[in-house]
Amino acid sequence: MTNNDIFKKLRVALMLRDDQIVEILELVDFRISKSELGAFFRDEKHPNYVECGDQVLRNFLNALVIHLRGTKENPKNPNDVLAKHKAEIPKKDGSKERTEFKASAKDEEKGRGDQKPSKSGTAAKKPFKKSNSKTAPKVQVVEKVKFNNGKGKKS
């Protein structure tokens, strides 16, 4: 496993964006640009891929400790810092919550084999009737035809 792989896995696990990583590295006075960071996270076959050196990873790990734990004078709770990162992640506009893993009311009713379904389910709902008096009465377009289908034929 290379330094680039370790750096990528830490970035994903901690849900860090490039600008956050730049800020974290500045805690230990290590300056790096977003484009240089992007080169570390590229595919190895990409022409702009750059190998992450030991010094970059060492500085990032030291800065990450300060970022999560704080200093001796100003200690922090790492869980609070991670919760803050999670809250900063913007939700996509078109995305909806994934409901395939959540049990709906219908699934709960079906899953209970020892009890009868409650009346609060869909069976208790009354059918919706339109009561619109403005609509014209139905006009019969085709006359009623009775099909015998061969029954009662006299030959």
N, C-alpha and C. Protein backbone atom coordinates (compact mmCIF):
# COMPACT_ATOMS: atom_id res chain seq x y z
N MET A 1 0.85 -1.17 0.00
CA MET A 1 0.00 0.00 0.00
C MET A 1 0.90 1.25 0.00
N THR A 2 0.63 2.14 -0.93
CA THR A 2 1.46 3.33 -1.07
C THR A 2 0.96 4.46 -0.17
N ASN A 3 1.77 5.50 -0.07
CA ASN A 3 1.36 6.68 0.69
C ASN A 3 0.11 7.31 0.09
N ASN A 4 0.00 7.26 -1.24
CA ASN A 4 -1.18 7.82 -1.90
C ASN A 4 -2.43 7.07 -1.47
N ASP A 5 -2.35 5.74 -1.40
CA ASP A 5 -3.50 4.94 -0.98
C ASP A 5 -3.92 5.28 0.45
N ILE A 6 -2.94 5.43 1.33
CA ILE A 6 -3.24 5.77 2.73
C ILE A 6 -3.90 7.15 2.81
N PHE A 7 -3.37 8.10 2.04
CA PHE A 7 -3.90 9.45 2.03
C PHE A 7 -5.34 9.45 1.52
N LYS A 8 -5.59 8.70 0.43
CA LYS A 8 -6.95 8.60 -0.14
C LYS A 8 -7.93 8.00 0.86
N LYS A 9 -7.52 6.93 1.52
CA LYS A 9 -8.41 6.25 2.47
C LYS A 9 -8.73 7.13 3.67
N LEU A 10 -7.74 7.89 4.15
CA LEU A 10 -8.00 8.82 5.26
C LEU A 10 -8.95 9.93 4.82
N ARG A 11 -8.76 10.41 3.62
CA ARG A 11 -9.64 11.48 3.11
C ARG A 11 -11.08 11.01 3.02
N VAL A 12 -11.29 9.80 2.53
CA VAL A 12 -12.65 9.28 2.39
C VAL A 12 -13.25 8.95 3.76
N ALA A 13 -12.46 8.31 4.62
CA ALA A 13 -12.97 7.90 5.93
C ALA A 13 -13.35 9.10 6.79
N LEU A 14 -12.59 10.18 6.69
CA LEU A 14 -12.87 11.36 7.50
C LEU A 14 -13.74 12.38 6.78
N MET A 15 -14.14 12.07 5.56
CA MET A 15 -15.01 12.93 4.74
C MET A 15 -14.43 14.34 4.62
N LEU A 16 -13.18 14.41 4.17
CA LEU A 16 -12.49 15.69 4.04
C LEU A 16 -12.47 16.14 2.59
N ARG A 17 -12.68 17.44 2.39
CA ARG A 17 -12.55 18.03 1.06
C ARG A 17 -11.13 18.56 0.91
N ASP A 18 -10.75 18.91 -0.32
CA ASP A 18 -9.40 19.38 -0.57
C ASP A 18 -9.08 20.65 0.22
N ASP A 19 -10.05 21.58 0.28
CA ASP A 19 -9.78 22.82 1.01
C ASP A 19 -9.62 22.56 2.51
N GLN A 20 -10.32 21.57 3.04
CA GLN A 20 -10.15 21.22 4.45
C GLN A 20 -8.77 20.60 4.70
N ILE A 21 -8.31 19.80 3.77
CA ILE A 21 -6.98 19.19 3.91
C ILE A 21 -5.90 20.26 3.87
N VAL A 22 -6.08 21.28 3.01
CA VAL A 22 -5.12 22.38 2.94
C VAL A 22 -5.08 23.12 4.29
N GLU A 23 -6.27 23.36 4.88
CA GLU A 23 -6.33 24.04 6.18
C GLU A 23 -5.67 23.19 7.28
N ILE A 24 -5.89 21.88 7.24
CA ILE A 24 -5.29 20.99 8.24
C ILE A 24 -3.77 21.01 8.12
N LEU A 25 -3.25 20.99 6.89
CA LEU A 25 -1.79 21.00 6.70
C LEU A 25 -1.17 22.32 7.13
N GLU A 26 -1.96 23.40 7.09
CA GLU A 26 -1.43 24.69 7.53
C GLU A 26 -1.26 24.75 9.05
N LEU A 27 -1.88 23.81 9.78
CA LEU A 27 -1.72 23.77 11.24
C LEU A 27 -0.27 23.45 11.62
N VAL A 28 0.44 22.75 10.75
CA VAL A 28 1.85 22.43 11.02
C VAL A 28 2.77 23.21 10.08
N ASP A 29 2.27 24.34 9.57
CA ASP A 29 3.02 25.23 8.68
C ASP A 29 3.52 24.51 7.43
N PHE A 30 2.69 23.65 6.87
CA PHE A 30 3.03 22.97 5.62
C PHE A 30 2.07 23.49 4.56
N ARG A 31 2.58 24.22 3.58
CA ARG A 31 1.75 24.83 2.56
C ARG A 31 1.72 23.93 1.32
N ILE A 32 0.51 23.71 0.83
CA ILE A 32 0.32 22.91 -0.38
C ILE A 32 -0.94 23.41 -1.07
N SER A 33 -0.95 23.36 -2.39
CA SER A 33 -2.12 23.86 -3.13
C SER A 33 -3.10 22.72 -3.39
N LYS A 34 -4.32 23.11 -3.78
CA LYS A 34 -5.35 22.11 -4.09
C LYS A 34 -4.96 21.27 -5.31
N SER A 35 -4.30 21.90 -6.26
CA SER A 35 -3.92 21.14 -7.47
C SER A 35 -2.85 20.11 -7.15
N GLU A 36 -1.95 20.43 -6.24
CA GLU A 36 -0.95 19.44 -5.82
C GLU A 36 -1.62 18.28 -5.08
N LEU A 37 -2.64 18.60 -4.26
CA LEU A 37 -3.39 17.54 -3.57
C LEU A 37 -4.12 16.67 -4.58
N GLY A 38 -4.73 17.31 -5.57
CA GLY A 38 -5.46 16.56 -6.60
C GLY A 38 -4.57 15.58 -7.33
N ALA A 39 -3.31 15.94 -7.50
CA ALA A 39 -2.36 15.05 -8.17
C ALA A 39 -2.10 13.80 -7.34
N PHE A 40 -2.14 13.93 -6.00
CA PHE A 40 -1.95 12.75 -5.14
C PHE A 40 -3.13 11.78 -5.26
N PHE A 41 -4.33 12.32 -5.47
CA PHE A 41 -5.53 11.49 -5.45
C PHE A 41 -5.90 10.94 -6.83
N ARG A 42 -5.13 11.23 -7.85
CA ARG A 42 -5.42 10.72 -9.19
C ARG A 42 -5.09 9.24 -9.32
N ASP A 43 -5.56 8.65 -10.42
CA ASP A 43 -5.23 7.27 -10.74
C ASP A 43 -3.74 7.18 -11.11
N GLU A 44 -3.11 6.06 -10.80
CA GLU A 44 -1.67 5.91 -11.05
C GLU A 44 -1.33 6.01 -12.53
N LYS A 45 -2.26 5.69 -13.42
CA LYS A 45 -2.01 5.72 -14.86
C LYS A 45 -2.21 7.12 -15.45
N HIS A 46 -2.77 8.04 -14.68
CA HIS A 46 -3.04 9.39 -15.16
C HIS A 46 -1.72 10.13 -15.39
N PRO A 47 -1.63 10.95 -16.45
CA PRO A 47 -0.35 11.63 -16.71
C PRO A 47 0.04 12.65 -15.64
N ASN A 48 -0.92 13.19 -14.89
CA ASN A 48 -0.60 14.19 -13.85
C ASN A 48 -0.49 13.59 -12.45
N TYR A 49 -0.43 12.27 -12.37
CA TYR A 49 -0.31 11.59 -11.07
C TYR A 49 1.06 11.90 -10.46
N VAL A 50 1.05 12.18 -9.14
CA VAL A 50 2.30 12.44 -8.43
C VAL A 50 2.35 11.52 -7.22
N GLU A 51 3.49 10.92 -6.99
CA GLU A 51 3.68 10.05 -5.84
C GLU A 51 3.71 10.90 -4.57
N CYS A 52 2.96 10.50 -3.57
CA CYS A 52 2.93 11.23 -2.30
C CYS A 52 4.16 10.84 -1.49
N GLY A 53 4.96 11.83 -1.15
CA GLY A 53 6.18 11.56 -0.41
C GLY A 53 5.92 11.31 1.07
N ASP A 54 6.94 10.77 1.72
CA ASP A 54 6.82 10.49 3.16
C ASP A 54 6.63 11.78 3.96
N GLN A 55 7.27 12.85 3.53
CA GLN A 55 7.18 14.11 4.27
C GLN A 55 5.76 14.67 4.24
N VAL A 56 5.09 14.58 3.09
CA VAL A 56 3.72 15.09 2.97
C VAL A 56 2.78 14.30 3.88
N LEU A 57 2.88 12.97 3.82
CA LEU A 57 2.01 12.13 4.64
C LEU A 57 2.30 12.32 6.12
N ARG A 58 3.57 12.43 6.49
CA ARG A 58 3.94 12.63 7.90
C ARG A 58 3.37 13.95 8.42
N ASN A 59 3.51 15.02 7.63
CA ASN A 59 2.97 16.32 8.04
C ASN A 59 1.45 16.28 8.13
N PHE A 60 0.80 15.57 7.18
CA PHE A 60 -0.66 15.48 7.24
C PHE A 60 -1.11 14.74 8.50
N LEU A 61 -0.44 13.64 8.84
CA LEU A 61 -0.83 12.89 10.03
C LEU A 61 -0.62 13.71 11.31
N ASN A 62 0.48 14.43 11.39
CA ASN A 62 0.72 15.28 12.55
C ASN A 62 -0.32 16.40 12.63
N ALA A 63 -0.64 17.00 11.50
CA ALA A 63 -1.64 18.06 11.49
C ALA A 63 -3.03 17.51 11.81
N LEU A 64 -3.30 16.28 11.37
CA LEU A 64 -4.60 15.67 11.64
C LEU A 64 -4.78 15.42 13.14
N VAL A 65 -3.71 15.04 13.81
CA VAL A 65 -3.77 14.85 15.26
C VAL A 65 -4.11 16.17 15.94
N ILE A 66 -3.47 17.24 15.51
CA ILE A 66 -3.76 18.55 16.10
C ILE A 66 -5.18 18.98 15.77
N HIS A 67 -5.60 18.72 14.55
CA HIS A 67 -6.94 19.11 14.13
C HIS A 67 -8.02 18.39 14.93
N LEU A 68 -7.85 17.10 15.13
CA LEU A 68 -8.88 16.32 15.82
C LEU A 68 -8.79 16.44 17.34
N ARG A 69 -7.60 16.36 17.89
CA ARG A 69 -7.44 16.36 19.35
C ARG A 69 -7.22 17.75 19.93
N GLY A 70 -6.71 18.66 19.12
CA GLY A 70 -6.36 19.97 19.63
C GLY A 70 -4.97 19.94 20.24
N THR A 71 -4.60 21.04 20.87
CA THR A 71 -3.29 21.12 21.52
C THR A 71 -3.46 20.88 23.01
N LYS A 72 -2.34 20.84 23.73
CA LYS A 72 -2.42 20.65 25.19
C LYS A 72 -3.15 21.82 25.84
N GLU A 73 -2.90 23.02 25.34
CA GLU A 73 -3.54 24.20 25.91
C GLU A 73 -5.03 24.28 25.55
N ASN A 74 -5.37 23.79 24.37
CA ASN A 74 -6.75 23.90 23.89
C ASN A 74 -7.22 22.54 23.36
N PRO A 75 -7.52 21.58 24.26
CA PRO A 75 -7.93 20.24 23.78
C PRO A 75 -9.32 20.26 23.16
N LYS A 76 -9.54 19.34 22.21
CA LYS A 76 -10.83 19.19 21.52
C LYS A 76 -11.30 17.75 21.66
N ASN A 77 -12.59 17.56 21.48
CA ASN A 77 -13.15 16.21 21.42
C ASN A 77 -13.19 15.79 19.95
N PRO A 78 -12.51 14.71 19.56
CA PRO A 78 -12.49 14.31 18.14
C PRO A 78 -13.87 14.02 17.57
N ASN A 79 -14.78 13.49 18.39
CA ASN A 79 -16.13 13.19 17.88
C ASN A 79 -16.87 14.47 17.49
N ASP A 80 -16.65 15.55 18.24
CA ASP A 80 -17.28 16.82 17.90
C ASP A 80 -16.75 17.36 16.58
N VAL A 81 -15.45 17.22 16.38
CA VAL A 81 -14.83 17.71 15.14
C VAL A 81 -15.36 16.92 13.95
N LEU A 82 -15.46 15.61 14.09
CA LEU A 82 -15.97 14.78 12.99
C LEU A 82 -17.44 15.06 12.72
N ALA A 83 -18.23 15.30 13.76
CA ALA A 83 -19.64 15.64 13.58
C ALA A 83 -19.78 16.97 12.85
N LYS A 84 -18.88 17.90 13.14
CA LYS A 84 -18.90 19.19 12.45
C LYS A 84 -18.59 19.01 10.96
N HIS A 85 -17.63 18.13 10.66
CA HIS A 85 -17.31 17.85 9.25
C HIS A 85 -18.51 17.25 8.54
N LYS A 86 -19.18 16.33 9.21
CA LYS A 86 -20.33 15.66 8.61
C LYS A 86 -21.46 16.66 8.34
N ALA A 87 -21.64 17.62 9.24
CA ALA A 87 -22.70 18.62 9.07
C ALA A 87 -22.37 19.59 7.95
N GLU A 88 -21.10 19.78 7.65
CA GLU A 88 -20.70 20.72 6.60
C GLU A 88 -20.87 20.16 5.20
N ILE A 89 -21.06 18.86 5.08
CA ILE A 89 -21.18 18.24 3.77
C ILE A 89 -22.51 18.67 3.16
N PRO A 90 -22.49 19.33 2.01
CA PRO A 90 -23.76 19.78 1.41
C PRO A 90 -24.50 18.61 0.78
N LYS A 91 -25.83 18.62 0.96
CA LYS A 91 -26.64 17.59 0.33
C LYS A 91 -26.92 17.99 -1.10
N LYS A 92 -27.00 17.01 -1.96
CA LYS A 92 -27.30 17.27 -3.36
C LYS A 92 -28.77 17.65 -3.49
N ASP A 93 -29.06 18.58 -4.40
CA ASP A 93 -30.42 19.08 -4.54
C ASP A 93 -31.39 18.00 -5.01
N GLY A 94 -30.99 17.23 -5.99
CA GLY A 94 -31.89 16.24 -6.57
C GLY A 94 -31.95 14.93 -5.80
N SER A 95 -31.14 14.79 -4.77
CA SER A 95 -31.10 13.51 -4.09
C SER A 95 -32.20 13.40 -3.05
N LYS A 96 -32.75 12.22 -2.96
CA LYS A 96 -33.77 11.94 -1.96
C LYS A 96 -33.18 10.94 -0.98
N GLU A 97 -33.81 10.81 0.17
CA GLU A 97 -33.32 9.82 1.12
C GLU A 97 -33.55 8.43 0.54
N ARG A 98 -32.59 7.57 0.77
CA ARG A 98 -32.73 6.21 0.27
C ARG A 98 -33.66 5.45 1.19
N THR A 99 -34.78 5.03 0.65
CA THR A 99 -35.78 4.39 1.48
C THR A 99 -35.79 2.88 1.34
N GLU A 100 -34.91 2.32 0.50
CA GLU A 100 -34.99 0.87 0.31
C GLU A 100 -34.58 0.10 1.56
N PHE A 101 -33.89 0.75 2.49
CA PHE A 101 -33.48 0.06 3.70
C PHE A 101 -34.38 0.37 4.88
N LYS A 102 -35.35 1.24 4.68
CA LYS A 102 -36.26 1.59 5.76
C LYS A 102 -37.55 0.81 5.59
N ALA A 103 -38.07 0.29 6.69
CA ALA A 103 -39.31 -0.47 6.62
C ALA A 103 -40.48 0.49 6.55
N SER A 104 -41.35 0.25 5.59
CA SER A 104 -42.55 1.08 5.50
C SER A 104 -43.65 0.43 6.32
N ALA A 105 -44.78 1.11 6.43
CA ALA A 105 -45.89 0.59 7.23
C ALA A 105 -46.39 -0.73 6.65
N LYS A 106 -46.39 -0.85 5.34
CA LYS A 106 -46.87 -2.09 4.72
C LYS A 106 -45.96 -3.26 5.10
N ASP A 107 -44.64 -3.02 5.06
CA ASP A 107 -43.69 -4.08 5.40
C ASP A 107 -43.84 -4.52 6.85
N GLU A 108 -44.11 -3.56 7.73
CA GLU A 108 -44.28 -3.91 9.15
C GLU A 108 -45.50 -4.79 9.34
N GLU A 109 -46.59 -4.50 8.59
CA GLU A 109 -47.81 -5.30 8.71
C GLU A 109 -47.58 -6.71 8.20
N LYS A 110 -46.87 -6.83 7.10
CA LYS A 110 -46.63 -8.16 6.52
C LYS A 110 -45.68 -8.97 7.38
N GLY A 111 -44.77 -8.32 8.05
CA GLY A 111 -43.75 -9.00 8.82
C GLY A 111 -44.26 -9.62 10.11
N ARG A 112 -45.44 -9.22 10.56
CA ARG A 112 -45.95 -9.74 11.82
C ARG A 112 -46.81 -10.96 11.53
N GLY A 113 -46.29 -12.14 11.74
CA GLY A 113 -47.04 -13.36 11.45
C GLY A 113 -47.94 -13.79 12.59
N ASP A 114 -47.68 -13.31 13.80
CA ASP A 114 -48.44 -13.76 14.95
C ASP A 114 -49.67 -12.90 15.22
N GLN A 115 -49.83 -11.77 14.54
CA GLN A 115 -50.95 -10.88 14.79
C GLN A 115 -51.68 -10.57 13.50
N LYS A 116 -52.94 -10.21 13.64
CA LYS A 116 -53.71 -9.79 12.48
C LYS A 116 -53.29 -8.38 12.10
N PRO A 117 -53.43 -8.03 10.84
CA PRO A 117 -53.10 -6.67 10.44
C PRO A 117 -54.02 -5.67 11.14
N SER A 118 -53.46 -4.55 11.52
CA SER A 118 -54.26 -3.54 12.20
C SER A 118 -55.13 -2.81 11.20
N LYS A 119 -56.14 -2.12 11.70
CA LYS A 119 -57.06 -1.40 10.83
C LYS A 119 -56.47 -0.08 10.37
N SER A 120 -55.30 0.27 10.89
CA SER A 120 -54.68 1.52 10.47
C SER A 120 -53.97 1.37 9.13
N GLY A 121 -53.88 0.16 8.61
CA GLY A 121 -53.21 -0.08 7.34
C GLY A 121 -54.03 0.41 6.17
N THR A 122 -53.65 0.00 4.97
CA THR A 122 -54.32 0.49 3.77
C THR A 122 -55.70 -0.14 3.59
N ALA A 123 -55.96 -1.29 4.22
CA ALA A 123 -57.26 -1.93 4.05
C ALA A 123 -58.38 -1.14 4.71
N ALA A 124 -58.07 -0.34 5.70
CA ALA A 124 -59.09 0.40 6.43
C ALA A 124 -59.50 1.67 5.70
N LYS A 125 -58.77 2.07 4.67
CA LYS A 125 -59.10 3.30 3.97
C LYS A 125 -60.33 3.10 3.10
N LYS A 126 -61.18 4.11 3.07
CA LYS A 126 -62.37 4.06 2.24
C LYS A 126 -62.00 4.54 0.85
N PRO A 127 -62.65 3.99 -0.16
CA PRO A 127 -62.34 4.44 -1.52
C PRO A 127 -62.76 5.89 -1.71
N PHE A 128 -62.01 6.58 -2.54
CA PHE A 128 -62.27 7.98 -2.79
C PHE A 128 -63.35 8.10 -3.83
N LYS A 129 -64.39 8.86 -3.52
CA LYS A 129 -65.49 9.08 -4.47
C LYS A 129 -65.50 10.53 -4.88
N LYS A 130 -65.60 10.74 -6.18
CA LYS A 130 -65.73 12.10 -6.65
C LYS A 130 -67.19 12.51 -6.54
N SER A 131 -67.41 13.62 -5.95
CA SER A 131 -68.78 14.12 -5.84
C SER A 131 -68.85 15.48 -6.50
N ASN A 132 -68.59 15.48 -7.79
CA ASN A 132 -68.61 16.71 -8.54
C ASN A 132 -69.91 16.79 -9.32
N SER A 133 -70.80 17.68 -8.91
CA SER A 133 -72.12 17.77 -9.54
C SER A 133 -72.08 18.54 -10.85
N LYS A 134 -70.97 19.17 -11.20
CA LYS A 134 -70.87 19.95 -12.42
C LYS A 134 -70.70 19.08 -13.66
N THR A 135 -70.33 17.82 -13.50
CA THR A 135 -70.10 16.98 -14.67
C THR A 135 -71.42 16.59 -15.30
N ALA A 136 -71.41 16.48 -16.60
CA ALA A 136 -72.61 16.13 -17.35
C ALA A 136 -72.93 14.66 -17.14
N PRO A 137 -74.21 14.27 -17.21
CA PRO A 137 -74.55 12.86 -17.05
C PRO A 137 -73.94 12.06 -18.20
N LYS A 138 -73.68 10.78 -17.92
CA LYS A 138 -73.05 9.93 -18.91
C LYS A 138 -74.01 9.68 -20.08
N VAL A 139 -73.50 9.85 -21.27
CA VAL A 139 -74.26 9.60 -22.48
C VAL A 139 -73.78 8.28 -23.03
N GLN A 140 -74.75 7.40 -23.33
CA GLN A 140 -74.40 6.08 -23.82
C GLN A 140 -74.04 6.18 -25.30
N VAL A 141 -72.80 5.89 -25.64
CA VAL A 141 -72.32 6.03 -27.00
C VAL A 141 -72.63 4.77 -27.80
N VAL A 142 -72.40 3.61 -27.25
CA VAL A 142 -72.62 2.35 -27.93
C VAL A 142 -73.81 1.66 -27.27
N GLU A 143 -74.70 1.14 -28.11
CA GLU A 143 -75.86 0.46 -27.51
C GLU A 143 -75.43 -0.87 -26.93
N LYS A 144 -76.15 -1.30 -25.94
CA LYS A 144 -75.80 -2.54 -25.26
C LYS A 144 -76.05 -3.71 -26.18
N VAL A 145 -75.09 -4.61 -26.25
CA VAL A 145 -75.18 -5.79 -27.08
C VAL A 145 -74.99 -6.99 -26.18
N LYS A 146 -75.85 -7.98 -26.34
CA LYS A 146 -75.73 -9.19 -25.55
C LYS A 146 -75.12 -10.26 -26.45
N PHE A 147 -73.99 -10.82 -25.97
CA PHE A 147 -73.32 -11.87 -26.70
C PHE A 147 -73.72 -13.21 -26.10
N ASN A 148 -74.24 -14.12 -26.94
CA ASN A 148 -74.65 -15.44 -26.48
C ASN A 148 -73.51 -16.44 -26.55
N ASN A 149 -72.55 -16.18 -27.38
CA ASN A 149 -71.40 -17.08 -27.57
C ASN A 149 -71.82 -18.53 -27.82
N GLY A 150 -72.82 -18.68 -28.64
CA GLY A 150 -73.22 -20.03 -29.06
C GLY A 150 -74.20 -20.70 -28.13
N LYS A 151 -74.57 -20.06 -27.04
CA LYS A 151 -75.53 -20.69 -26.11
C LYS A 151 -76.95 -20.38 -26.56
N GLY A 152 -77.77 -21.38 -26.50
CA GLY A 152 -79.19 -21.20 -26.82
C GLY A 152 -79.45 -21.01 -28.30
N LYS A 153 -78.52 -21.43 -29.16
CA LYS A 153 -78.72 -21.31 -30.59
C LYS A 153 -79.65 -22.41 -31.06
N LYS A 154 -80.53 -22.05 -31.89
CA LYS A 154 -81.39 -23.06 -32.49
C LYS A 154 -80.95 -23.27 -33.92
N SER A 155 -80.68 -24.53 -34.30
CA SER A 155 -80.23 -24.78 -35.66
C SER A 155 -81.18 -25.60 -36.47
